């Protein structure tokens, strides 16, 4: 049975109801802001303990990644992301979730061919293109600065 483009579009619109854009933006803003505020709170807390600035700057993202990985493993982060949407894609937490989720999903296939091979399916392109863009921008910046 062949379906025309118009029929397919009509079926798609019926199957996916419109999302409340306003409330979704508010949720993303608030939850994303809370994640960032947590990072700032960790920064202040670690600084309060008298740790060096370099150590504090390293501990904050490590803590956020570890918390996100734990919450992903427990199934809590996905429930949060269901409501927060783009608010949970704050770079460090979104990246941690994109590595842990496939690792958990494919662990039944073994450590190497399951977890290891599939861990970076989502995050891999981000790493590749992010590093390539950083190198390209670095070269452009170097050329501009040395004129």
C-alpha atoms as a PDB file:
ATOM      1  CA  UNK A   1       0.000   0.000   0.000  1.00  0.00           C
ATOM      2  CA  UNK A   2       1.590   3.248  -1.153  1.00  0.00           C
ATOM      3  CA  UNK A   3       0.988   6.362   0.914  1.00  0.00           C
ATOM      4  CA  UNK A   4       1.208   9.794  -0.659  1.00  0.00           C
ATOM      5  CA  UNK A   5       3.264  12.558   0.884  1.00  0.00           C
ATOM      6  CA  UNK A   6       0.127  14.455   1.939  1.00  0.00           C
ATOM      7  CA  UNK A   7      -1.440  11.362   3.529  1.00  0.00           C
ATOM      8  CA  UNK A   8       1.775  10.611   5.389  1.00  0.00           C
ATOM      9  CA  UNK A   9       1.989  14.174   6.699  1.00  0.00           C
ATOM     10  CA  UNK A  10      -1.646  14.018   7.857  1.00  0.00           C
ATOM     11  CA  UNK A  11      -0.990  10.705   9.652  1.00  0.00           C
ATOM     12  CA  UNK A  12       2.110  12.198  11.298  1.00  0.00           C
ATOM     13  CA  UNK A  13       0.219  15.245  12.553  1.00  0.00           C
ATOM     14  CA  UNK A  14      -2.507  13.041  13.994  1.00  0.00           C
ATOM     15  CA  UNK A  15       0.003  10.771  15.739  1.00  0.00           C
ATOM     16  CA  UNK A  16       2.037  13.572  17.295  1.00  0.00           C
ATOM     17  CA  UNK A  17      -0.025  16.172  19.121  1.00  0.00           C
ATOM     18  CA  UNK A  18       1.395  19.678  19.365  1.00  0.00           C
ATOM     19  CA  UNK A  19       3.567  20.310  22.390  1.00  0.00           C
ATOM     20  CA  UNK A  20       2.947  23.276  24.685  1.00  0.00           C
ATOM     21  CA  UNK A  21       5.912  25.405  23.585  1.00  0.00           C
ATOM     22  CA  UNK A  22       5.601  28.053  26.305  1.00  0.00           C
ATOM     23  CA  UNK A  23       5.563  25.705  29.283  1.00  0.00           C
ATOM     24  CA  UNK A  24       8.314  23.569  27.712  1.00  0.00           C
ATOM     25  CA  UNK A  25      10.561  26.618  27.386  1.00  0.00           C
ATOM     26  CA  UNK A  26       9.903  27.598  30.999  1.00  0.00           C
ATOM     27  CA  UNK A  27      10.680  24.071  32.240  1.00  0.00           C
ATOM     28  CA  UNK A  28      13.876  23.921  30.161  1.00  0.00           C
ATOM     29  CA  UNK A  29      14.975  27.314  31.466  1.00  0.00           C
ATOM     30  CA  UNK A  30      14.249  26.498  35.105  1.00  0.00           C
ATOM     31  CA  UNK A  31      15.748  23.009  35.177  1.00  0.00           C
ATOM     32  CA  UNK A  32      18.757  24.041  33.075  1.00  0.00           C
ATOM     33  CA  UNK A  33      19.213  26.975  35.433  1.00  0.00           C
ATOM     34  CA  UNK A  34      19.027  24.663  38.446  1.00  0.00           C
ATOM     35  CA  UNK A  35      21.734  22.445  36.945  1.00  0.00           C
ATOM     36  CA  UNK A  36      23.927  25.504  36.412  1.00  0.00           C
ATOM     37  CA  UNK A  37      23.127  26.728  39.921  1.00  0.00           C
ATOM     38  CA  UNK A  38      24.152  23.311  41.253  1.00  0.00           C
ATOM     39  CA  UNK A  39      27.473  23.755  39.460  1.00  0.00           C
ATOM     40  CA  UNK A  40      27.923  27.186  41.023  1.00  0.00           C
ATOM     41  CA  UNK A  41      26.983  25.779  44.428  1.00  0.00           C
ATOM     42  CA  UNK A  42      29.542  23.012  44.066  1.00  0.00           C
ATOM     43  CA  UNK A  43      32.121  25.616  43.058  1.00  0.00           C
ATOM     44  CA  UNK A  44      31.405  27.680  46.169  1.00  0.00           C
ATOM     45  CA  UNK A  45      31.300  24.590  48.397  1.00  0.00           C
ATOM     46  CA  UNK A  46      34.616  23.214  47.158  1.00  0.00           C
ATOM     47  CA  UNK A  47      36.158  26.678  47.435  1.00  0.00           C
ATOM     48  CA  UNK A  48      34.892  26.961  51.005  1.00  0.00           C
ATOM     49  CA  UNK A  49      36.898  23.863  51.922  1.00  0.00           C
ATOM     50  CA  UNK A  50      40.064  25.710  50.997  1.00  0.00           C
ATOM     51  CA  UNK A  51      40.852  23.774  47.832  1.00  0.00           C
ATOM     52  CA  UNK A  52      43.027  25.406  45.175  1.00  0.00           C
ATOM     53  CA  UNK A  53      41.256  27.157  42.308  1.00  0.00           C
ATOM     54  CA  UNK A  54      42.595  24.628  39.776  1.00  0.00           C
ATOM     55  CA  UNK A  55      41.307  21.743  41.869  1.00  0.00           C
ATOM     56  CA  UNK A  56      37.877  23.325  42.280  1.00  0.00           C
ATOM     57  CA  UNK A  57      37.631  23.924  38.517  1.00  0.00           C
ATOM     58  CA  UNK A  58      38.339  20.246  37.924  1.00  0.00           C
ATOM     59  CA  UNK A  59      36.072  18.894  40.686  1.00  0.00           C
ATOM     60  CA  UNK A  60      32.909  20.718  39.611  1.00  0.00           C
ATOM     61  CA  UNK A  61      32.553  19.123  36.150  1.00  0.00           C
ATOM     62  CA  UNK A  62      33.730  15.750  37.473  1.00  0.00           C
ATOM     63  CA  UNK A  63      31.029  15.892  40.148  1.00  0.00           C
ATOM     64  CA  UNK A  64      28.350  16.922  37.627  1.00  0.00           C
ATOM     65  CA  UNK A  65      29.349  14.091  35.277  1.00  0.00           C
ATOM     66  CA  UNK A  66      29.366  11.548  38.121  1.00  0.00           C
ATOM     67  CA  UNK A  67      25.957  12.718  39.388  1.00  0.00           C
ATOM     68  CA  UNK A  68      24.495  12.604  35.883  1.00  0.00           C
ATOM     69  CA  UNK A  69      25.911   9.125  35.275  1.00  0.00           C
ATOM     70  CA  UNK A  70      24.462   7.904  38.571  1.00  0.00           C
ATOM     71  CA  UNK A  71      21.064   9.495  37.919  1.00  0.00           C
ATOM     72  CA  UNK A  72      21.054   8.035  34.393  1.00  0.00           C
ATOM     73  CA  UNK A  73      21.866   4.571  35.716  1.00  0.00           C
ATOM     74  CA  UNK A  74      19.030   4.870  38.246  1.00  0.00           C
ATOM     75  CA  UNK A  75      16.591   6.038  35.533  1.00  0.00           C
ATOM     76  CA  UNK A  76      16.039   9.387  37.227  1.00  0.00           C
ATOM     77  CA  UNK A  77      17.828  11.598  34.699  1.00  0.00           C
ATOM     78  CA  UNK A  78      15.643  10.378  31.818  1.00  0.00           C
ATOM     79  CA  UNK A  79      12.499  11.223  33.796  1.00  0.00           C
ATOM     80  CA  UNK A  80      13.925  14.666  34.506  1.00  0.00           C
ATOM     81  CA  UNK A  81      14.814  15.114  30.830  1.00  0.00           C
ATOM     82  CA  UNK A  82      11.266  14.152  29.866  1.00  0.00           C
ATOM     83  CA  UNK A  83      10.049  17.307  31.606  1.00  0.00           C
ATOM     84  CA  UNK A  84      13.071  19.571  31.127  1.00  0.00           C
ATOM     85  CA  UNK A  85      13.785  18.785  27.487  1.00  0.00           C
ATOM     86  CA  UNK A  86      16.665  20.932  26.292  1.00  0.00           C
ATOM     87  CA  UNK A  87      17.290  22.149  29.847  1.00  0.00           C
ATOM     88  CA  UNK A  88      19.108  18.909  30.638  1.00  0.00           C
ATOM     89  CA  UNK A  89      21.396  19.260  27.643  1.00  0.00           C
ATOM     90  CA  UNK A  90      23.550  21.688  29.570  1.00  0.00           C
ATOM     91  CA  UNK A  91      26.800  20.568  27.910  1.00  0.00           C
ATOM     92  CA  UNK A  92      28.434  18.545  30.659  1.00  0.00           C
ATOM     93  CA  UNK A  93      25.313  16.763  31.902  1.00  0.00           C
ATOM     94  CA  UNK A  94      23.947  16.130  28.425  1.00  0.00           C
ATOM     95  CA  UNK A  95      27.275  14.668  27.351  1.00  0.00           C
ATOM     96  CA  UNK A  96      27.463  12.397  30.400  1.00  0.00           C
ATOM     97  CA  UNK A  97      23.933  11.157  29.746  1.00  0.00           C
ATOM     98  CA  UNK A  98      24.685  10.542  26.056  1.00  0.00           C
ATOM     99  CA  UNK A  99      27.617   8.295  27.003  1.00  0.00           C
ATOM    100  CA  UNK A 100      25.999   6.390  29.877  1.00  0.00           C
ATOM    101  CA  UNK A 101      22.620   5.703  28.226  1.00  0.00           C
ATOM    102  CA  UNK A 102      23.939   3.608  25.308  1.00  0.00           C
ATOM    103  CA  UNK A 103      26.441   1.913  27.610  1.00  0.00           C
ATOM    104  CA  UNK A 104      23.582   0.727  29.819  1.00  0.00           C
ATOM    105  CA  UNK A 105      21.370  -0.187  26.892  1.00  0.00           C
ATOM    106  CA  UNK A 106      23.932  -2.468  25.250  1.00  0.00           C
ATOM    107  CA  UNK A 107      25.578  -3.992  28.341  1.00  0.00           C
ATOM    108  CA  UNK A 108      23.733  -7.275  27.787  1.00  0.00           C
ATOM    109  CA  UNK A 109      25.789  -7.753  24.609  1.00  0.00           C
ATOM    110  CA  UNK A 110      29.026  -7.865  26.594  1.00  0.00           C
ATOM    111  CA  UNK A 111      31.674  -5.441  27.788  1.00  0.00           C
ATOM    112  CA  UNK A 112      33.560  -5.062  24.516  1.00  0.00           C
ATOM    113  CA  UNK A 113      31.010  -5.518  21.721  1.00  0.00           C
ATOM    114  CA  UNK A 114      28.117  -4.173  23.780  1.00  0.00           C
ATOM    115  CA  UNK A 115      29.139  -1.451  26.177  1.00  0.00           C
ATOM    116  CA  UNK A 116      32.491  -0.525  24.634  1.00  0.00           C
ATOM    117  CA  UNK A 117      31.374  -0.514  21.012  1.00  0.00           C
ATOM    118  CA  UNK A 118      28.157   1.399  21.583  1.00  0.00           C
ATOM    119  CA  UNK A 119      29.107   3.813  24.344  1.00  0.00           C
ATOM    120  CA  UNK A 120      29.985   6.664  22.006  1.00  0.00           C
ATOM    121  CA  UNK A 121      27.286   6.165  19.371  1.00  0.00           C
ATOM    122  CA  UNK A 122      25.581   9.384  20.396  1.00  0.00           C
ATOM    123  CA  UNK A 123      28.524  11.299  21.851  1.00  0.00           C
ATOM    124  CA  UNK A 124      31.054  10.219  19.201  1.00  0.00           C
ATOM    125  CA  UNK A 125      29.988  12.665  16.491  1.00  0.00           C
ATOM    126  CA  UNK A 126      29.940  15.457  19.065  1.00  0.00           C
ATOM    127  CA  UNK A 127      33.530  14.656  20.008  1.00  0.00           C
ATOM    128  CA  UNK A 128      34.722  14.346  16.423  1.00  0.00           C
ATOM    129  CA  UNK A 129      33.088  17.494  15.096  1.00  0.00           C
ATOM    130  CA  UNK A 130      33.734  19.441  18.292  1.00  0.00           C
ATOM    131  CA  UNK A 131      37.444  18.667  18.141  1.00  0.00           C
ATOM    132  CA  UNK A 132      37.577  19.358  14.401  1.00  0.00           C
ATOM    133  CA  UNK A 133      35.826  22.712  14.894  1.00  0.00           C
ATOM    134  CA  UNK A 134      38.158  23.607  17.770  1.00  0.00           C
ATOM    135  CA  UNK A 135      41.203  22.863  15.614  1.00  0.00           C
ATOM    136  CA  UNK A 136      39.800  24.850  12.694  1.00  0.00           C
ATOM    137  CA  UNK A 137      38.946  27.823  14.921  1.00  0.00           C
ATOM    138  CA  UNK A 138      42.398  27.611  16.520  1.00  0.00           C
ATOM    139  CA  UNK A 139      44.088  27.737  13.118  1.00  0.00           C
ATOM    140  CA  UNK A 140      41.928  30.683  12.020  1.00  0.00           C
ATOM    141  CA  UNK A 141      42.627  32.486  15.296  1.00  0.00           C
ATOM    142  CA  UNK A 142      46.374  31.840  14.924  1.00  0.00           C
ATOM    143  CA  UNK A 143      46.356  33.205  11.346  1.00  0.00           C
ATOM    144  CA  UNK A 144      44.381  36.307  12.347  1.00  0.00           C
ATOM    145  CA  UNK A 145      46.622  37.030  15.349  1.00  0.00           C
ATOM    146  CA  UNK A 146      49.839  36.738  13.323  1.00  0.00           C
ATOM    147  CA  UNK A 147      48.939  39.158  10.519  1.00  0.00           C
END
